[in-house]
Amino acid sequence: MIVRDEEETLVRCLDGIKDIADEIVIVDTGSRDSSRDIAARYTDRVYDFVWCDDFSAARNFSFSLATTDYVMWLDADDVVAEPDAEEIRRLCDGGGFDVAYLRYAVADGDNQSFFYYRERIIRRALGLKWEGAVHEVITPVGKMVWSDACIVHKKIKSGHPMRNLHMYQKEISEGKELSPRDKFYYGRELFFNGMLPESIAVLENYLSGEGWVENRVEACRTLFRAHMRRGDRENAIKSLLRAFAISRPRAEECCHLGEYFFGNGDLDAAAYWYNCALNSGDDLKSGGFVDTAYTGFIPAIWLCVIYDRLGDSERAERFNELAGSFRPDDESYLHNRQYFKENKLKGKNQSNDK
């Protein structure tokens, strides 16, 4: 682990893995709070690293201190539940792999629909190195396995929204040429910080060259969102459709097309694309960003709205119940359920009045 000023989350993280780890190595990059003291309660292997605006450098230093056959990395605001910790232990005890990919879910309240698979456990003897100052990555080799064990990224504090952006801008100011992968993430950081024209320019430049298919598809989605925020619906839809020339339609693109046609008042076309999303059969282990809401709750709840407007209340109610099977406590689902109940009651009363 590399940590800095993580006293609010470090205990939660370390409690989750203290019973399965053969050793815990913590590298502190300049904490001013009690993080170092907290870490020392769990391990005597706490080291200092002078921060140099390079996450890979810090992670490579932390990996160099490991002595076990397999090395797993965590961030301080990651949470490992007991069943997942046990699965990780079983995986490492069994061995026989070089790189293990685990689900990395981003918590949004109780909703953990957004996730992606990350290289999480590495055979130390391979000597693999982290690359990239920001959004660092290890290029995998050898035998890879995918585990159902899940790490949940659960932030408590908001962090520094401009940090990654400033790190990229520093690299550019120093004359460093960004790799295709860095261009992709730089464009996303610009988008997240509301710099839409700049984001569009960087992502267009990225798409003009080579890149991993999952990142290229995601770049098209980000361009769609950026153009939509600017009110440019024509370029938004063109950007989204470019993803179809890169790979087969994914559920998220289908939902965005449903959103687009709904906004145009074409309910039949919107229903078509939302139904496509429900039946997309997305590859959840592609390595790209996945939000399972786009294969379940989102198309179901919108199909409820669409079919209600089309006058097919029976089908609309069925889709609402399908949405509820994904998120039983969602306010939209519960509101719709009450709406259909009241409509049935009105219809029954009107029938009795006759």
Protein backbone atom coordinates (compact mmCIF):
# COMPACT_ATOMS: atom_id res chain seq x y z
CA MET A 1 0.00 0.00 0.00
CA ILE A 2 1.01 3.60 -0.57
CA VAL A 3 -0.76 6.02 1.77
CA ARG A 4 -0.87 9.68 2.66
CA ASP A 5 -3.13 11.30 5.27
CA GLU A 6 -5.52 8.35 5.40
CA GLU A 7 -6.26 8.15 9.13
CA GLU A 8 -10.01 8.08 8.46
CA THR A 9 -9.93 4.95 6.28
CA LEU A 10 -6.74 3.05 7.07
CA VAL A 11 -8.10 1.05 10.03
CA ARG A 12 -11.13 -0.04 8.00
CA CYS A 13 -8.91 -1.22 5.16
CA LEU A 14 -6.31 -3.03 7.25
CA ASP A 15 -8.91 -4.74 9.43
CA GLY A 16 -10.26 -6.35 6.27
CA ILE A 17 -6.98 -8.01 5.26
CA LYS A 18 -4.91 -8.38 8.42
CA ASP A 19 -5.90 -12.04 8.88
CA ILE A 20 -5.11 -13.16 5.32
CA ALA A 21 -1.87 -11.33 4.58
CA ASP A 22 1.48 -13.01 5.24
CA GLU A 23 3.02 -9.56 5.39
CA ILE A 24 1.78 -5.99 5.19
CA VAL A 25 4.02 -3.36 3.60
CA ILE A 26 2.98 0.29 3.94
CA VAL A 27 4.78 3.10 2.17
CA ASP A 28 3.94 6.56 3.47
CA THR A 29 4.35 9.39 0.97
CA GLY A 30 4.29 12.28 3.43
CA SER A 31 1.39 11.98 5.89
CA ARG A 32 0.79 14.82 8.32
CA ASP A 33 -1.91 13.00 10.25
CA SER A 34 -1.74 9.77 12.28
CA SER A 35 -1.60 7.39 9.28
CA ARG A 36 1.94 6.25 10.05
CA ASP A 37 1.10 5.48 13.68
CA ILE A 38 -2.02 3.56 12.65
CA ALA A 39 -0.04 1.53 10.13
CA ALA A 40 2.53 0.66 12.80
CA ARG A 41 -0.22 -1.05 14.82
CA TYR A 42 -0.63 -3.60 12.01
CA THR A 43 2.92 -4.06 10.75
CA ASP A 44 6.52 -3.18 11.52
CA ARG A 45 7.14 -2.74 7.80
CA VAL A 46 6.30 0.95 7.40
CA TYR A 47 8.55 2.95 5.08
CA ASP A 48 8.86 6.52 3.82
CA PHE A 49 8.89 7.64 0.21
CA VAL A 50 9.46 11.21 -0.91
CA TRP A 51 6.52 12.05 -3.17
CA CYS A 52 7.60 12.95 -6.71
CA ASP A 53 4.25 13.30 -8.55
CA ASP A 54 4.53 9.74 -9.84
CA PHE A 55 2.23 7.00 -8.58
CA SER A 56 4.14 4.30 -10.45
CA ALA A 57 7.40 5.27 -8.76
CA ALA A 58 5.75 4.96 -5.34
CA ARG A 59 4.06 1.63 -6.16
CA ASN A 60 7.24 0.18 -7.63
CA PHE A 61 9.07 1.11 -4.43
CA SER A 62 6.38 -0.57 -2.34
CA PHE A 63 6.52 -3.73 -4.51
CA SER A 64 10.31 -3.83 -4.19
CA LEU A 65 9.91 -4.29 -0.43
CA ALA A 66 7.67 -7.36 -0.72
CA THR A 67 9.09 -10.82 0.03
CA THR A 68 6.11 -13.14 -0.59
CA ASP A 69 5.36 -15.22 -3.69
CA TYR A 70 2.35 -13.05 -4.57
CA VAL A 71 1.88 -9.32 -4.03
CA MET A 72 -1.53 -7.65 -3.75
CA TRP A 73 -1.97 -3.88 -3.77
CA LEU A 74 -4.69 -1.84 -2.05
CA ASP A 75 -5.56 1.81 -1.60
CA ALA A 76 -6.34 3.05 1.90
CA ASP A 77 -9.98 3.74 1.04
CA ASP A 78 -10.50 0.21 -0.29
CA VAL A 79 -12.69 -2.20 1.66
CA VAL A 80 -12.37 -5.99 1.63
CA ALA A 81 -15.33 -7.88 3.10
CA GLU A 82 -14.65 -11.15 4.93
CA PRO A 83 -15.96 -13.49 2.18
CA ASP A 84 -13.82 -11.69 -0.40
CA ALA A 85 -10.78 -11.85 1.85
CA GLU A 86 -11.26 -15.59 2.26
CA GLU A 87 -11.55 -16.02 -1.51
CA ILE A 88 -8.32 -14.06 -1.99
CA ARG A 89 -6.56 -16.32 0.49
CA ARG A 90 -7.84 -19.45 -1.28
CA LEU A 91 -6.73 -18.04 -4.62
CA CYS A 92 -3.19 -17.37 -3.45
CA ASP A 93 -2.90 -20.67 -1.58
CA GLY A 94 -3.83 -22.49 -4.78
CA GLY A 95 -1.32 -20.51 -6.84
CA GLY A 96 -0.61 -21.53 -10.41
CA PHE A 97 -1.18 -18.08 -11.93
CA ASP A 98 0.91 -15.02 -12.74
CA VAL A 99 -1.65 -12.20 -12.60
CA ALA A 100 -5.06 -12.28 -10.92
CA TYR A 101 -7.78 -9.82 -11.89
CA LEU A 102 -10.31 -8.92 -9.18
CA ARG A 103 -13.47 -6.85 -9.43
CA TYR A 104 -12.94 -3.26 -8.35
CA ALA A 105 -16.32 -1.76 -7.42
CA VAL A 106 -16.87 1.93 -6.80
CA ALA A 107 -19.38 2.38 -3.99
CA ASP A 108 -22.18 4.92 -4.46
CA GLY A 109 -24.12 4.53 -1.23
CA ASP A 110 -25.33 0.95 -1.21
CA ASN A 111 -25.14 0.79 -5.01
CA GLN A 112 -22.05 -0.94 -6.43
CA SER A 113 -23.15 -1.31 -10.04
CA PHE A 114 -20.03 0.41 -11.44
CA PHE A 115 -16.90 -1.73 -11.51
CA TYR A 116 -14.02 -2.94 -13.60
CA TYR A 117 -11.48 -5.74 -13.34
CA ARG A 118 -7.98 -4.71 -12.25
CA GLU A 119 -4.66 -6.47 -12.08
CA ARG A 120 -4.70 -6.95 -8.32
CA ILE A 121 -2.40 -9.85 -7.40
CA ILE A 122 0.97 -10.31 -9.13
CA ARG A 123 3.54 -13.11 -8.95
CA ARG A 124 6.54 -11.29 -7.48
CA ALA A 125 9.15 -13.32 -9.37
CA LEU A 126 7.95 -11.81 -12.67
CA GLY A 127 9.41 -8.45 -11.67
CA LEU A 128 6.63 -6.54 -13.42
CA LYS A 129 6.74 -2.77 -13.10
CA TRP A 130 4.04 -0.14 -12.76
CA GLU A 131 3.87 2.35 -15.63
CA GLY A 132 2.36 5.83 -15.86
CA ALA A 133 2.65 8.69 -13.39
CA VAL A 134 -1.17 8.90 -13.18
CA HIS A 135 -3.67 6.05 -13.47
CA GLU A 136 -0.73 3.67 -13.17
CA VAL A 137 -0.97 0.19 -14.62
CA ILE A 138 0.93 -3.09 -14.83
CA THR A 139 1.04 -4.72 -18.24
CA PRO A 140 0.18 -8.37 -17.53
CA VAL A 141 2.07 -11.39 -18.83
CA GLY A 142 1.83 -15.12 -18.32
CA LYS A 143 -1.18 -16.98 -16.99
CA MET A 144 -4.05 -14.69 -16.00
CA VAL A 145 -7.08 -15.59 -13.91
CA TRP A 146 -10.27 -13.70 -13.05
CA SER A 147 -11.65 -13.99 -9.53
CA ASP A 148 -15.12 -13.20 -8.18
CA ALA A 149 -13.52 -11.62 -5.13
CA CYS A 150 -14.36 -7.93 -4.98
CA ILE A 151 -12.51 -4.90 -3.63
CA VAL A 152 -14.81 -1.95 -2.92
CA HIS A 153 -13.43 1.56 -3.34
CA LYS A 154 -15.26 3.50 -0.64
CA LYS A 155 -14.21 7.11 -0.29
CA ILE A 156 -14.90 9.13 2.83
CA LYS A 157 -13.30 12.42 1.84
CA SER A 158 -13.65 14.09 -1.52
CA GLY A 159 -9.94 14.24 -2.30
CA HIS A 160 -8.38 16.67 -4.75
CA PRO A 161 -10.42 16.77 -8.00
CA MET A 162 -7.71 18.69 -9.90
CA ARG A 163 -4.76 16.59 -8.67
CA ASN A 164 -4.55 14.17 -11.60
CA LEU A 165 -5.21 16.94 -14.10
CA HIS A 166 -2.37 19.02 -12.68
CA MET A 167 -0.03 16.02 -12.80
CA TYR A 168 -0.75 15.51 -16.49
CA GLN A 169 -0.33 19.22 -17.18
CA LYS A 170 2.99 19.18 -15.35
CA GLU A 171 4.21 16.33 -17.58
CA ILE A 172 3.13 18.25 -20.68
CA SER A 173 4.83 21.46 -19.48
CA GLU A 174 8.04 19.47 -18.98
CA GLY A 175 7.93 18.40 -22.62
CA LYS A 176 6.85 14.80 -22.07
CA GLU A 177 4.79 13.28 -24.88
CA LEU A 178 1.74 11.54 -23.49
CA SER A 179 1.21 7.91 -24.42
CA PRO A 180 -2.11 6.99 -26.09
CA ARG A 181 -3.36 5.65 -22.74
CA ASP A 182 -2.33 8.87 -20.98
CA LYS A 183 -4.13 10.94 -23.63
CA PHE A 184 -7.30 8.97 -22.96
CA TYR A 185 -7.14 9.55 -19.21
CA TYR A 186 -6.07 13.17 -19.62
CA GLY A 187 -9.14 13.77 -21.79
CA ARG A 188 -11.34 12.19 -19.12
CA GLU A 189 -9.77 14.32 -16.37
CA LEU A 190 -10.51 17.44 -18.43
CA PHE A 191 -14.12 16.28 -18.84
CA PHE A 192 -14.55 15.54 -15.11
CA ASN A 193 -13.32 19.05 -14.33
CA GLY A 194 -15.76 20.71 -16.73
CA MET A 195 -13.17 21.70 -19.36
CA LEU A 196 -15.34 20.44 -22.21
CA PRO A 197 -13.72 22.00 -25.34
CA GLU A 198 -10.28 20.90 -24.12
CA SER A 199 -11.57 17.41 -23.31
CA ILE A 200 -13.13 17.06 -26.76
CA ALA A 201 -9.88 18.14 -28.46
CA VAL A 202 -7.73 15.68 -26.48
CA LEU A 203 -10.10 12.75 -26.94
CA GLU A 204 -10.42 13.44 -30.67
CA ASN A 205 -6.63 13.42 -30.88
CA TYR A 206 -6.54 10.15 -28.96
CA LEU A 207 -9.11 8.52 -31.27
CA SER A 208 -7.09 9.56 -34.32
CA GLY A 209 -4.36 7.13 -33.25
CA GLU A 210 -4.07 3.70 -31.70
CA GLY A 211 -5.39 2.55 -28.35
CA TRP A 212 -6.97 -0.29 -26.40
CA VAL A 213 -10.45 -1.07 -27.72
CA GLU A 214 -12.11 -0.59 -24.30
CA ASN A 215 -10.54 2.85 -23.89
CA ARG A 216 -11.53 3.84 -27.42
CA VAL A 217 -15.15 2.87 -26.77
CA GLU A 218 -15.11 4.79 -23.49
CA ALA A 219 -13.63 7.82 -25.27
CA CYS A 220 -16.64 7.83 -27.63
CA ARG A 221 -18.99 7.73 -24.65
CA THR A 222 -17.16 10.61 -22.97
CA LEU A 223 -17.32 12.65 -26.17
CA PHE A 224 -21.07 11.95 -26.29
CA ARG A 225 -21.48 13.29 -22.76
CA ALA A 226 -19.27 16.31 -23.42
CA HIS A 227 -21.22 17.32 -26.54
CA MET A 228 -24.54 16.75 -24.78
CA ARG A 229 -23.48 19.03 -21.93
CA ARG A 230 -22.68 21.69 -24.52
CA GLY A 231 -26.10 21.21 -26.11
CA ASP A 232 -24.59 19.87 -29.32
CA ARG A 233 -26.85 16.87 -29.89
CA GLU A 234 -25.72 16.32 -33.49
CA ASN A 235 -22.06 15.83 -32.62
CA ALA A 236 -23.07 13.92 -29.49
CA ILE A 237 -24.86 11.22 -31.48
CA LYS A 238 -22.08 11.11 -34.09
CA SER A 239 -19.53 10.53 -31.33
CA LEU A 240 -21.58 7.76 -29.78
CA LEU A 241 -22.09 5.94 -33.09
CA ARG A 242 -18.33 5.92 -33.66
CA ALA A 243 -18.13 3.32 -30.90
CA PHE A 244 -20.04 0.91 -33.17
CA ALA A 245 -17.14 1.00 -35.64
CA ILE A 246 -14.75 0.01 -32.85
CA SER A 247 -16.68 -2.83 -31.22
CA ARG A 248 -20.17 -4.27 -31.00
CA PRO A 249 -22.80 -2.09 -29.29
CA ARG A 250 -22.60 -2.24 -25.51
CA ALA A 251 -25.48 -1.72 -23.12
CA GLU A 252 -24.33 1.77 -22.18
CA GLU A 253 -24.27 3.00 -25.78
CA CYS A 254 -27.72 1.46 -26.32
CA CYS A 255 -29.08 3.33 -23.30
CA HIS A 256 -27.59 6.60 -24.51
CA LEU A 257 -29.26 6.03 -27.88
CA GLY A 258 -32.52 5.37 -26.04
CA GLU A 259 -32.02 8.63 -24.16
CA TYR A 260 -31.32 10.46 -27.41
CA PHE A 261 -34.43 9.20 -29.22
CA PHE A 262 -36.60 9.75 -26.13
CA GLY A 263 -35.43 13.36 -26.15
CA ASN A 264 -36.44 13.57 -29.81
CA GLY A 265 -39.90 12.23 -28.97
CA ASP A 266 -39.38 9.00 -30.94
CA LEU A 267 -40.66 6.57 -28.31
CA ASP A 268 -40.59 3.49 -30.54
CA ALA A 269 -36.91 4.02 -31.38
CA ALA A 270 -36.15 4.71 -27.72
CA ALA A 271 -37.88 1.47 -26.70
CA TYR A 272 -35.91 -0.46 -29.32
CA TRP A 273 -32.55 0.69 -27.97
CA TYR A 274 -33.46 0.22 -24.32
CA ASN A 275 -34.57 -3.33 -25.15
CA CYS A 276 -31.22 -3.85 -26.88
CA ALA A 277 -29.49 -2.76 -23.67
CA LEU A 278 -31.42 -5.33 -21.64
CA ASN A 279 -30.36 -8.06 -24.05
CA SER A 280 -26.83 -6.86 -24.78
CA GLY A 281 -25.00 -9.68 -23.02
CA ASP A 282 -22.08 -7.39 -22.15
CA ASP A 283 -18.77 -9.06 -21.37
CA LEU A 284 -18.29 -8.05 -17.74
CA LYS A 285 -14.69 -9.31 -17.76
CA SER A 286 -13.56 -7.24 -20.71
CA GLY A 287 -11.35 -5.12 -18.45
CA GLY A 288 -13.20 -1.96 -19.39
CA PHE A 289 -15.44 0.16 -17.18
CA VAL A 290 -18.76 -1.59 -16.53
CA ASP A 291 -21.93 -0.20 -15.02
CA THR A 292 -24.42 -3.03 -14.67
CA ALA A 293 -27.19 -0.47 -14.20
CA TYR A 294 -27.12 -0.09 -18.00
CA THR A 295 -27.93 -3.79 -18.45
CA GLY A 296 -30.69 -3.80 -15.85
CA PHE A 297 -32.23 -0.97 -13.88
CA ILE A 298 -31.78 1.93 -16.31
CA PRO A 299 -33.34 0.34 -19.42
CA ALA A 300 -36.07 -1.30 -17.34
CA ILE A 301 -37.18 1.91 -15.63
CA TRP A 302 -37.15 3.85 -18.92
CA LEU A 303 -39.10 1.14 -20.72
CA CYS A 304 -41.68 1.49 -17.97
CA VAL A 305 -41.98 5.21 -18.73
CA ILE A 306 -42.02 4.71 -22.50
CA TYR A 307 -44.68 2.02 -22.57
CA ASP A 308 -46.84 3.98 -20.14
CA ARG A 309 -46.71 6.94 -22.54
CA LEU A 310 -47.51 4.61 -25.42
CA GLY A 311 -50.64 3.51 -23.53
CA ASP A 312 -49.44 -0.02 -22.78
CA SER A 313 -49.82 0.10 -19.01
CA GLU A 314 -49.56 -3.67 -18.59
CA ARG A 315 -46.17 -3.83 -20.24
CA ALA A 316 -45.08 -0.66 -18.44
CA GLU A 317 -45.87 -2.22 -15.07
CA ARG A 318 -43.94 -5.38 -15.97
CA PHE A 319 -40.85 -3.33 -16.74
CA ASN A 320 -41.26 -1.39 -13.51
CA GLU A 321 -41.27 -4.65 -11.56
CA LEU A 322 -38.18 -5.71 -13.48
CA ALA A 323 -36.50 -2.45 -12.46
CA GLY A 324 -37.51 -3.17 -8.87
CA SER A 325 -35.81 -6.56 -9.01
CA PHE A 326 -32.53 -4.69 -9.52
CA ARG A 327 -33.14 -1.88 -7.02
CA PRO A 328 -36.05 -2.69 -4.71
CA ASP A 329 -35.58 0.49 -2.65
CA ASP A 330 -35.30 2.91 -5.54
CA GLU A 331 -37.66 5.89 -5.23
CA SER A 332 -38.58 5.85 -8.93
CA TYR A 333 -39.59 2.21 -8.82
CA LEU A 334 -41.61 2.69 -5.62
CA HIS A 335 -43.31 5.82 -7.01
CA ASN A 336 -44.24 3.98 -10.21
CA ARG A 337 -45.56 1.03 -8.24
CA GLN A 338 -47.89 3.31 -6.30
CA TYR A 339 -48.90 5.01 -9.56
CA PHE A 340 -49.95 1.71 -11.16
CA LYS A 341 -51.76 0.66 -7.99
CA GLU A 342 -53.76 3.90 -7.90
CA ASN A 343 -54.59 3.64 -11.61
CA LYS A 344 -55.93 0.13 -11.14
CA LEU A 345 -58.03 1.32 -8.22
CA LYS A 346 -59.43 4.22 -10.29
CA GLY A 347 -60.26 1.85 -13.12
CA LYS A 348 -62.02 -0.52 -10.74
CA ASN A 349 -64.04 2.32 -9.15
CA GLN A 350 -65.05 3.67 -12.55
CA SER A 351 -66.18 0.22 -13.57
CA ASN A 352 -68.27 -0.09 -10.40
CA ASP A 353 -69.81 3.33 -10.99
CA LYS A 354 -71.05 2.14 -14.37
